[in-house]
Amino acid sequence: MFGFFSLLRKRKELIPIVGLMAVAASAATATSLYFLTTKSDVIVNRRGNPTPWENIDPKKPQKLMTVTQKWEPVEELQLLKRFTK
C-alpha cells in the first residue's frame, strides 16, 4: 500500500485518474445499494417469498424516471386473483 502512495508522489499525473476511478467505484457501489434496498423488483431472499412479483404496487413507478404512467387493472387478472385466493 505504501508503494502505491509513493508511486503517486513520483507520478503526479496519475492522481486525477485515481481520483476519478475512486469516484466511479463509489458511485457504482452506492447505486447498487440504492436499488437493492429501495426497488421492489430486486429480490434478495427467493425462499422467503416464492412469488415476489405479486407484491409489487402497480401505481408506484419502477423505473428511475417515469414520464407518464397510467395503470388500470385488467379485469381478467382481477377475476383470476379472486378465484385463487
PDB file of N, CA and C in Angstrom:
ATOM      1  N   MET A   1       0.819  -1.186   0.000  1.00  0.00           N
ATOM      2  CA  MET A   1       0.000   0.000   0.000  1.00  0.00           C
ATOM      3  C   MET A   1       0.868   1.256   0.000  1.00  0.00           C
ATOM      4  N   PHE A   2       1.966   1.193   0.758  1.00  0.00           N
ATOM      5  CA  PHE A   2       2.849   2.356   0.809  1.00  0.00           C
ATOM      6  C   PHE A   2       3.504   2.587  -0.550  1.00  0.00           C
ATOM      7  N   GLY A   3       3.754   1.514  -1.290  1.00  0.00           N
ATOM      8  CA  GLY A   3       4.335   1.637  -2.621  1.00  0.00           C
ATOM      9  C   GLY A   3       3.410   2.364  -3.583  1.00  0.00           C
ATOM     10  N   PHE A   4       2.101   2.188  -3.392  1.00  0.00           N
ATOM     11  CA  PHE A   4       1.112   2.865  -4.241  1.00  0.00           C
ATOM     12  C   PHE A   4       1.177   4.371  -4.035  1.00  0.00           C
ATOM     13  N   PHE A   5       1.260   4.804  -2.779  1.00  0.00           N
ATOM     14  CA  PHE A   5       1.321   6.239  -2.494  1.00  0.00           C
ATOM     15  C   PHE A   5       2.650   6.842  -2.929  1.00  0.00           C
ATOM     16  N   SER A   6       3.714   6.071  -2.819  1.00  0.00           N
ATOM     17  CA  SER A   6       4.998   6.594  -3.299  1.00  0.00           C
ATOM     18  C   SER A   6       4.992   6.719  -4.822  1.00  0.00           C
ATOM     19  N   LEU A   7       4.296   5.820  -5.512  1.00  0.00           N
ATOM     20  CA  LEU A   7       4.153   5.926  -6.960  1.00  0.00           C
ATOM     21  C   LEU A   7       3.358   7.172  -7.333  1.00  0.00           C
ATOM     22  N   LEU A   8       2.303   7.463  -6.559  1.00  0.00           N
ATOM     23  CA  LEU A   8       1.527   8.677  -6.820  1.00  0.00           C
ATOM     24  C   LEU A   8       2.348   9.941  -6.556  1.00  0.00           C
ATOM     25  N   ARG A   9       3.243   9.891  -5.572  1.00  0.00           N
ATOM     26  CA  ARG A   9       4.090  11.052  -5.322  1.00  0.00           C
ATOM     27  C   ARG A   9       5.102  11.262  -6.447  1.00  0.00           C
ATOM     28  N   LYS A  10       5.569  10.148  -7.030  1.00  0.00           N
ATOM     29  CA  LYS A  10       6.532  10.273  -8.128  1.00  0.00           C
ATOM     30  C   LYS A  10       5.850  10.710  -9.424  1.00  0.00           C
ATOM     31  N   ARG A  11       4.687  10.155  -9.690  1.00  0.00           N
ATOM     32  CA  ARG A  11       3.968  10.452 -10.934  1.00  0.00           C
ATOM     33  C   ARG A  11       2.667  11.178 -10.593  1.00  0.00           C
ATOM     34  N   LYS A  12       2.745  12.458 -10.519  1.00  0.00           N
ATOM     35  CA  LYS A  12       1.606  13.272 -10.100  1.00  0.00           C
ATOM     36  C   LYS A  12       0.488  13.289 -11.143  1.00  0.00           C
ATOM     37  N   GLU A  13       0.763  12.910 -12.373  1.00  0.00           N
ATOM     38  CA  GLU A  13      -0.278  12.887 -13.400  1.00  0.00           C
ATOM     39  C   GLU A  13      -1.270  11.744 -13.196  1.00  0.00           C
ATOM     40  N   LEU A  14      -0.959  10.787 -12.335  1.00  0.00           N
ATOM     41  CA  LEU A  14      -1.875   9.683 -12.053  1.00  0.00           C
ATOM     42  C   LEU A  14      -2.926  10.040 -11.012  1.00  0.00           C
ATOM     43  N   ILE A  15      -2.746  11.109 -10.276  1.00  0.00           N
ATOM     44  CA  ILE A  15      -3.671  11.477  -9.197  1.00  0.00           C
ATOM     45  C   ILE A  15      -5.088  11.734  -9.714  1.00  0.00           C
ATOM     46  N   PRO A  16      -5.304  12.493 -10.805  1.00  0.00           N
ATOM     47  CA  PRO A  16      -6.686  12.672 -11.291  1.00  0.00           C
ATOM     48  C   PRO A  16      -7.338  11.366 -11.757  1.00  0.00           C
ATOM     49  N   ILE A  17      -6.549  10.499 -12.373  1.00  0.00           N
ATOM     50  CA  ILE A  17      -7.100   9.218 -12.843  1.00  0.00           C
ATOM     51  C   ILE A  17      -7.529   8.356 -11.656  1.00  0.00           C
ATOM     52  N   VAL A  18      -6.692   8.305 -10.639  1.00  0.00           N
ATOM     53  CA  VAL A  18      -7.026   7.520  -9.445  1.00  0.00           C
ATOM     54  C   VAL A  18      -8.249   8.128  -8.748  1.00  0.00           C
ATOM     55  N   GLY A  19      -8.318   9.449  -8.714  1.00  0.00           N
ATOM     56  CA  GLY A  19      -9.481  10.104  -8.101  1.00  0.00           C
ATOM     57  C   GLY A  19     -10.763   9.813  -8.851  1.00  0.00           C
ATOM     58  N   LEU A  20     -10.724   9.886 -10.177  1.00  0.00           N
ATOM     59  CA  LEU A  20     -11.911   9.579 -10.982  1.00  0.00           C
ATOM     60  C   LEU A  20     -12.343   8.122 -10.837  1.00  0.00           C
ATOM     61  N   MET A  21     -11.380   7.225 -10.782  1.00  0.00           N
ATOM     62  CA  MET A  21     -11.708   5.810 -10.608  1.00  0.00           C
ATOM     63  C   MET A  21     -12.330   5.557  -9.227  1.00  0.00           C
ATOM     64  N   ALA A  22     -11.848   6.254  -8.218  1.00  0.00           N
ATOM     65  CA  ALA A  22     -12.422   6.103  -6.875  1.00  0.00           C
ATOM     66  C   ALA A  22     -13.850   6.638  -6.837  1.00  0.00           C
ATOM     67  N   VAL A  23     -14.090   7.774  -7.498  1.00  0.00           N
ATOM     68  CA  VAL A  23     -15.446   8.332  -7.544  1.00  0.00           C
ATOM     69  C   VAL A  23     -16.380   7.391  -8.313  1.00  0.00           C
ATOM     70  N   ALA A  24     -15.911   6.850  -9.431  1.00  0.00           N
ATOM     71  CA  ALA A  24     -16.741   5.940 -10.223  1.00  0.00           C
ATOM     72  C   ALA A  24     -17.061   4.669  -9.451  1.00  0.00           C
ATOM     73  N   ALA A  25     -16.088   4.116  -8.743  1.00  0.00           N
ATOM     74  CA  ALA A  25     -16.328   2.900  -7.968  1.00  0.00           C
ATOM     75  C   ALA A  25     -17.305   3.147  -6.818  1.00  0.00           C
ATOM     76  N   SER A  26     -17.160   4.278  -6.139  1.00  0.00           N
ATOM     77  CA  SER A  26     -18.081   4.568  -5.036  1.00  0.00           C
ATOM     78  C   SER A  26     -19.482   4.873  -5.559  1.00  0.00           C
ATOM     79  N   ALA A  27     -19.605   5.524  -6.724  1.00  0.00           N
ATOM     80  CA  ALA A  27     -20.922   5.783  -7.302  1.00  0.00           C
ATOM     81  C   ALA A  27     -21.599   4.477  -7.725  1.00  0.00           C
ATOM     82  N   ALA A  28     -20.842   3.561  -8.299  1.00  0.00           N
ATOM     83  CA  ALA A  28     -21.409   2.265  -8.684  1.00  0.00           C
ATOM     84  C   ALA A  28     -21.868   1.481  -7.461  1.00  0.00           C
ATOM     85  N   THR A  29     -21.093   1.523  -6.394  1.00  0.00           N
ATOM     86  CA  THR A  29     -21.480   0.834  -5.167  1.00  0.00           C
ATOM     87  C   THR A  29     -22.716   1.474  -4.546  1.00  0.00           C
ATOM     88  N   ALA A  30     -22.768   2.790  -4.517  1.00  0.00           N
ATOM     89  CA  ALA A  30     -23.922   3.486  -3.942  1.00  0.00           C
ATOM     90  C   ALA A  30     -25.184   3.223  -4.757  1.00  0.00           C
ATOM     91  N   THR A  31     -25.076   3.213  -6.081  1.00  0.00           N
ATOM     92  CA  THR A  31     -26.235   2.938  -6.927  1.00  0.00           C
ATOM     93  C   THR A  31     -26.730   1.518  -6.725  1.00  0.00           C
ATOM     94  N   SER A  32     -25.805   0.576  -6.627  1.00  0.00           N
ATOM     95  CA  SER A  32     -26.206  -0.817  -6.390  1.00  0.00           C
ATOM     96  C   SER A  32     -26.925  -0.967  -5.060  1.00  0.00           C
ATOM     97  N   LEU A  33     -26.414  -0.341  -4.022  1.00  0.00           N
ATOM     98  CA  LEU A  33     -27.062  -0.424  -2.714  1.00  0.00           C
ATOM     99  C   LEU A  33     -28.418   0.269  -2.718  1.00  0.00           C
ATOM    100  N   TYR A  34     -28.543   1.370  -3.446  1.00  0.00           N
ATOM    101  CA  TYR A  34     -29.822   2.068  -3.541  1.00  0.00           C
ATOM    102  C   TYR A  34     -30.877   1.175  -4.187  1.00  0.00           C
ATOM    103  N   PHE A  35     -30.542   0.560  -5.312  1.00  0.00           N
ATOM    104  CA  PHE A  35     -31.503  -0.304  -5.993  1.00  0.00           C
ATOM    105  C   PHE A  35     -31.797  -1.560  -5.174  1.00  0.00           C
ATOM    106  N   LEU A  36     -30.810  -2.061  -4.465  1.00  0.00           N
ATOM    107  CA  LEU A  36     -31.008  -3.256  -3.651  1.00  0.00           C
ATOM    108  C   LEU A  36     -31.964  -3.001  -2.496  1.00  0.00           C
ATOM    109  N   THR A  37     -31.919  -1.807  -1.933  1.00  0.00           N
ATOM    110  CA  THR A  37     -32.743  -1.537  -0.751  1.00  0.00           C
ATOM    111  C   THR A  37     -34.093  -0.911  -1.073  1.00  0.00           C
ATOM    112  N   THR A  38     -34.223  -0.176  -2.184  1.00  0.00           N
ATOM    113  CA  THR A  38     -35.469   0.548  -2.407  1.00  0.00           C
ATOM    114  C   THR A  38     -36.351  -0.025  -3.503  1.00  0.00           C
ATOM    115  N   LYS A  39     -35.816  -0.725  -4.452  1.00  0.00           N
ATOM    116  CA  LYS A  39     -36.621  -1.206  -5.568  1.00  0.00           C
ATOM    117  C   LYS A  39     -37.216  -2.566  -5.244  1.00  0.00           C
ATOM    118  N   SER A  40     -38.476  -2.737  -5.591  1.00  0.00           N
ATOM    119  CA  SER A  40     -39.162  -3.981  -5.260  1.00  0.00           C
ATOM    120  C   SER A  40     -38.915  -5.072  -6.295  1.00  0.00           C
ATOM    121  N   ASP A  41     -38.346  -4.745  -7.441  1.00  0.00           N
ATOM    122  CA  ASP A  41     -38.087  -5.786  -8.425  1.00  0.00           C
ATOM    123  C   ASP A  41     -36.733  -6.457  -8.226  1.00  0.00           C
ATOM    124  N   VAL A  42     -35.958  -6.021  -7.239  1.00  0.00           N
ATOM    125  CA  VAL A  42     -34.707  -6.678  -6.885  1.00  0.00           C
ATOM    126  C   VAL A  42     -35.007  -7.649  -5.752  1.00  0.00           C
ATOM    127  N   ILE A  43     -34.691  -8.923  -5.956  1.00  0.00           N
ATOM    128  CA  ILE A  43     -35.033  -9.965  -4.994  1.00  0.00           C
ATOM    129  C   ILE A  43     -33.766 -10.449  -4.305  1.00  0.00           C
ATOM    130  N   VAL A  44     -33.753 -10.402  -2.986  1.00  0.00           N
ATOM    131  CA  VAL A  44     -32.612 -10.888  -2.225  1.00  0.00           C
ATOM    132  C   VAL A  44     -32.906 -12.270  -1.662  1.00  0.00           C
ATOM    133  N   ASN A  45     -34.114 -12.464  -1.129  1.00  0.00           N
ATOM    134  CA  ASN A  45     -34.487 -13.725  -0.497  1.00  0.00           C
ATOM    135  C   ASN A  45     -35.515 -14.432  -1.373  1.00  0.00           C
ATOM    136  N   ARG A  46     -35.077 -15.392  -2.144  1.00  0.00           N
ATOM    137  CA  ARG A  46     -36.001 -16.093  -3.033  1.00  0.00           C
ATOM    138  C   ARG A  46     -36.834 -17.133  -2.295  1.00  0.00           C
ATOM    139  N   ARG A  47     -36.318 -17.672  -1.202  1.00  0.00           N
ATOM    140  CA  ARG A  47     -37.045 -18.731  -0.485  1.00  0.00           C
ATOM    141  C   ARG A  47     -38.142 -18.174   0.413  1.00  0.00           C
ATOM    142  N   GLY A  48     -37.950 -16.952   0.903  1.00  0.00           N
ATOM    143  CA  GLY A  48     -38.926 -16.363   1.806  1.00  0.00           C
ATOM    144  C   GLY A  48     -40.218 -15.977   1.102  1.00  0.00           C
ATOM    145  N   ASN A  49     -40.136 -15.588  -0.152  1.00  0.00           N
ATOM    146  CA  ASN A  49     -41.308 -15.191  -0.919  1.00  0.00           C
ATOM    147  C   ASN A  49     -41.158 -15.765  -2.331  1.00  0.00           C
ATOM    148  N   PRO A  50     -41.809 -16.878  -2.632  1.00  0.00           N
ATOM    149  CA  PRO A  50     -41.611 -17.507  -3.938  1.00  0.00           C
ATOM    150  C   PRO A  50     -42.252 -16.743  -5.099  1.00  0.00           C
ATOM    151  N   THR A  51     -43.211 -15.860  -4.821  1.00  0.00           N
ATOM    152  CA  THR A  51     -43.854 -15.077  -5.888  1.00  0.00           C
ATOM    153  C   THR A  51     -43.786 -13.586  -5.556  1.00  0.00           C
ATOM    154  N   PRO A  52     -42.610 -12.964  -5.663  1.00  0.00           N
ATOM    155  CA  PRO A  52     -42.475 -11.554  -5.278  1.00  0.00           C
ATOM    156  C   PRO A  52     -43.126 -10.597  -6.264  1.00  0.00           C
ATOM    157  N   TRP A  53     -43.381 -11.021  -7.468  1.00  0.00           N
ATOM    158  CA  TRP A  53     -43.981 -10.124  -8.467  1.00  0.00           C
ATOM    159  C   TRP A  53     -45.428  -9.794  -8.152  1.00  0.00           C
ATOM    160  N   GLU A  54     -46.053 -10.574  -7.282  1.00  0.00           N
ATOM    161  CA  GLU A  54     -47.431 -10.279  -6.902  1.00  0.00           C
ATOM    162  C   GLU A  54     -47.522  -9.160  -5.861  1.00  0.00           C
ATOM    163  N   ASN A  55     -46.427  -8.842  -5.210  1.00  0.00           N
ATOM    164  CA  ASN A  55     -46.428  -7.819  -4.161  1.00  0.00           C
ATOM    165  C   ASN A  55     -46.034  -6.443  -4.667  1.00  0.00           C
ATOM    166  N   ILE A  56     -45.760  -6.308  -5.951  1.00  0.00           N
ATOM    167  CA  ILE A  56     -45.338  -5.015  -6.499  1.00  0.00           C
ATOM    168  C   ILE A  56     -46.555  -4.119  -6.667  1.00  0.00           C
ATOM    169  N   ASP A  57     -46.463  -2.913  -6.159  1.00  0.00           N
ATOM    170  CA  ASP A  57     -47.549  -1.943  -6.285  1.00  0.00           C
ATOM    171  C   ASP A  57     -47.541  -1.382  -7.708  1.00  0.00           C
ATOM    172  N   PRO A  58     -48.589  -1.593  -8.493  1.00  0.00           N
ATOM    173  CA  PRO A  58     -48.559  -1.134  -9.885  1.00  0.00           C
ATOM    174  C   PRO A  58     -48.650   0.385 -10.027  1.00  0.00           C
ATOM    175  N   LYS A  59     -49.083   1.071  -8.990  1.00  0.00           N
ATOM    176  CA  LYS A  59     -49.177   2.523  -9.073  1.00  0.00           C
ATOM    177  C   LYS A  59     -47.853   3.210  -8.761  1.00  0.00           C
ATOM    178  N   LYS A  60     -46.926   2.489  -8.152  1.00  0.00           N
ATOM    179  CA  LYS A  60     -45.613   3.043  -7.833  1.00  0.00           C
ATOM    180  C   LYS A  60     -44.693   2.826  -9.038  1.00  0.00           C
ATOM    181  N   PRO A  61     -44.042   3.870  -9.549  1.00  0.00           N
ATOM    182  CA  PRO A  61     -43.165   3.693 -10.708  1.00  0.00           C
ATOM    183  C   PRO A  61     -41.947   2.843 -10.358  1.00  0.00           C
ATOM    184  N   GLN A  62     -41.587   1.947 -11.246  1.00  0.00           N
ATOM    185  CA  GLN A  62     -40.470   1.040 -11.010  1.00  0.00           C
ATOM    186  C   GLN A  62     -39.190   1.493 -11.698  1.00  0.00           C
ATOM    187  N   LYS A  63     -39.287   2.478 -12.566  1.00  0.00           N
ATOM    188  CA  LYS A  63     -38.118   2.957 -13.285  1.00  0.00           C
ATOM    189  C   LYS A  63     -37.459   4.090 -12.512  1.00  0.00           C
ATOM    190  N   LEU A  64     -36.248   4.429 -12.922  1.00  0.00           N
ATOM    191  CA  LEU A  64     -35.542   5.522 -12.280  1.00  0.00           C
ATOM    192  C   LEU A  64     -36.238   6.848 -12.563  1.00  0.00           C
ATOM    193  N   MET A  65     -36.768   7.000 -13.798  1.00  0.00           N
ATOM    194  CA  MET A  65     -37.515   8.192 -14.152  1.00  0.00           C
ATOM    195  C   MET A  65     -38.705   7.772 -15.018  1.00  0.00           C
ATOM    196  N   THR A  66     -39.909   8.115 -14.605  1.00  0.00           N
ATOM    197  CA  THR A  66     -41.105   7.795 -15.359  1.00  0.00           C
ATOM    198  C   THR A  66     -41.778   9.094 -15.770  1.00  0.00           C
ATOM    199  N   VAL A  67     -41.988   9.255 -17.075  1.00  0.00           N
ATOM    200  CA  VAL A  67     -42.584  10.492 -17.566  1.00  0.00           C
ATOM    201  C   VAL A  67     -44.087  10.451 -17.366  1.00  0.00           C
ATOM    202  N   THR A  68     -44.764   9.488 -17.961  1.00  0.00           N
ATOM    203  CA  THR A  68     -46.203   9.321 -17.759  1.00  0.00           C
ATOM    204  C   THR A  68     -46.467   7.836 -17.524  1.00  0.00           C
ATOM    205  N   GLN A  69     -47.258   7.574 -16.534  1.00  0.00           N
ATOM    206  CA  GLN A  69     -47.597   6.189 -16.235  1.00  0.00           C
ATOM    207  C   GLN A  69     -49.062   6.129 -15.835  1.00  0.00           C
ATOM    208  N   LYS A  70     -49.839   5.458 -16.646  1.00  0.00           N
ATOM    209  CA  LYS A  70     -51.241   5.223 -16.322  1.00  0.00           C
ATOM    210  C   LYS A  70     -51.415   3.724 -16.143  1.00  0.00           C
ATOM    211  N   TRP A  71     -52.067   3.370 -15.088  1.00  0.00           N
ATOM    212  CA  TRP A  71     -52.290   1.962 -14.828  1.00  0.00           C
ATOM    213  C   TRP A  71     -53.755   1.745 -14.548  1.00  0.00           C
ATOM    214  N   GLU A  72     -54.289   0.768 -15.227  1.00  0.00           N
ATOM    215  CA  GLU A  72     -55.662   0.350 -14.982  1.00  0.00           C
ATOM    216  C   GLU A  72     -55.648  -1.164 -14.826  1.00  0.00           C
ATOM    217  N   PRO A  73     -56.374  -1.693 -13.853  1.00  0.00           N
ATOM    218  CA  PRO A  73     -56.353  -3.136 -13.650  1.00  0.00           C
ATOM    219  C   PRO A  73     -57.023  -3.882 -14.810  1.00  0.00           C
ATOM    220  N   VAL A  74     -56.461  -5.029 -15.132  1.00  0.00           N
ATOM    221  CA  VAL A  74     -57.030  -5.895 -16.168  1.00  0.00           C
ATOM    222  C   VAL A  74     -58.097  -6.762 -15.502  1.00  0.00           C
ATOM    223  N   GLU A  75     -59.289  -6.737 -16.051  1.00  0.00           N
ATOM    224  CA  GLU A  75     -60.416  -7.428 -15.424  1.00  0.00           C
ATOM    225  C   GLU A  75     -60.186  -8.923 -15.286  1.00  0.00           C
ATOM    226  N   GLU A  76     -59.630  -9.532 -16.316  1.00  0.00           N
ATOM    227  CA  GLU A  76     -59.406 -10.979 -16.280  1.00  0.00           C
ATOM    228  C   GLU A  76     -58.441 -11.369 -15.167  1.00  0.00           C
ATOM    229  N   LEU A  77     -57.406 -10.563 -14.976  1.00  0.00           N
ATOM    230  CA  LEU A  77     -56.452 -10.872 -13.910  1.00  0.00           C
ATOM    231  C   LEU A  77     -57.072 -10.677 -12.528  1.00  0.00           C
ATOM    232  N   GLN A  78     -57.924  -9.675 -12.386  1.00  0.00           N
ATOM    233  CA  GLN A  78     -58.565  -9.459 -11.113  1.00  0.00           C
ATOM    234  C   GLN A  78     -59.508 -10.616 -10.782  1.00  0.00           C
ATOM    235  N   LEU A  79     -60.220 -11.107 -11.785  1.00  0.00           N
ATOM    236  CA  LEU A  79     -61.098 -12.279 -11.560  1.00  0.00           C
ATOM    237  C   LEU A  79     -60.294 -13.504 -11.188  1.00  0.00           C
ATOM    238  N   LEU A  80     -59.180 -13.685 -11.870  1.00  0.00           N
ATOM    239  CA  LEU A  80     -58.313 -14.838 -11.581  1.00  0.00           C
ATOM    240  C   LEU A  80     -57.760 -14.752 -10.168  1.00  0.00           C
ATOM    241  N   LYS A  81     -57.366 -13.563  -9.738  1.00  0.00           N
ATOM    242  CA  LYS A  81     -56.851 -13.400  -8.373  1.00  0.00           C
ATOM    243  C   LYS A  81     -57.933 -13.708  -7.346  1.00  0.00           C
ATOM    244  N   ARG A  82     -59.160 -13.293  -7.619  1.00  0.00           N
ATOM    245  CA  ARG A  82     -60.255 -13.577  -6.678  1.00  0.00           C
ATOM    246  C   ARG A  82     -60.512 -15.069  -6.558  1.00  0.00           C
ATOM    247  N   PHE A  83     -60.400 -15.803  -7.659  1.00  0.00           N
ATOM    248  CA  PHE A  83     -60.674 -17.232  -7.623  1.00  0.00           C
ATOM    249  C   PHE A  83     -59.543 -18.016  -6.972  1.00  0.00           C
ATOM    250  N   THR A  84     -58.308 -17.525  -7.065  1.00  0.00           N
ATOM    251  CA  THR A  84     -57.180 -18.246  -6.486  1.00  0.00           C
ATOM    252  C   THR A  84     -57.025 -17.985  -4.999  1.00  0.00           C
ATOM    253  N   LYS A  85     -57.632 -16.927  -4.469  1.00  0.00           N
ATOM    254  CA  LYS A  85     -57.493 -16.627  -3.033  1.00  0.00           C
ATOM    255  C   LYS A  85     -58.450 -17.419  -2.206  1.00  0.00           C
TER     256      LYS A  85
END
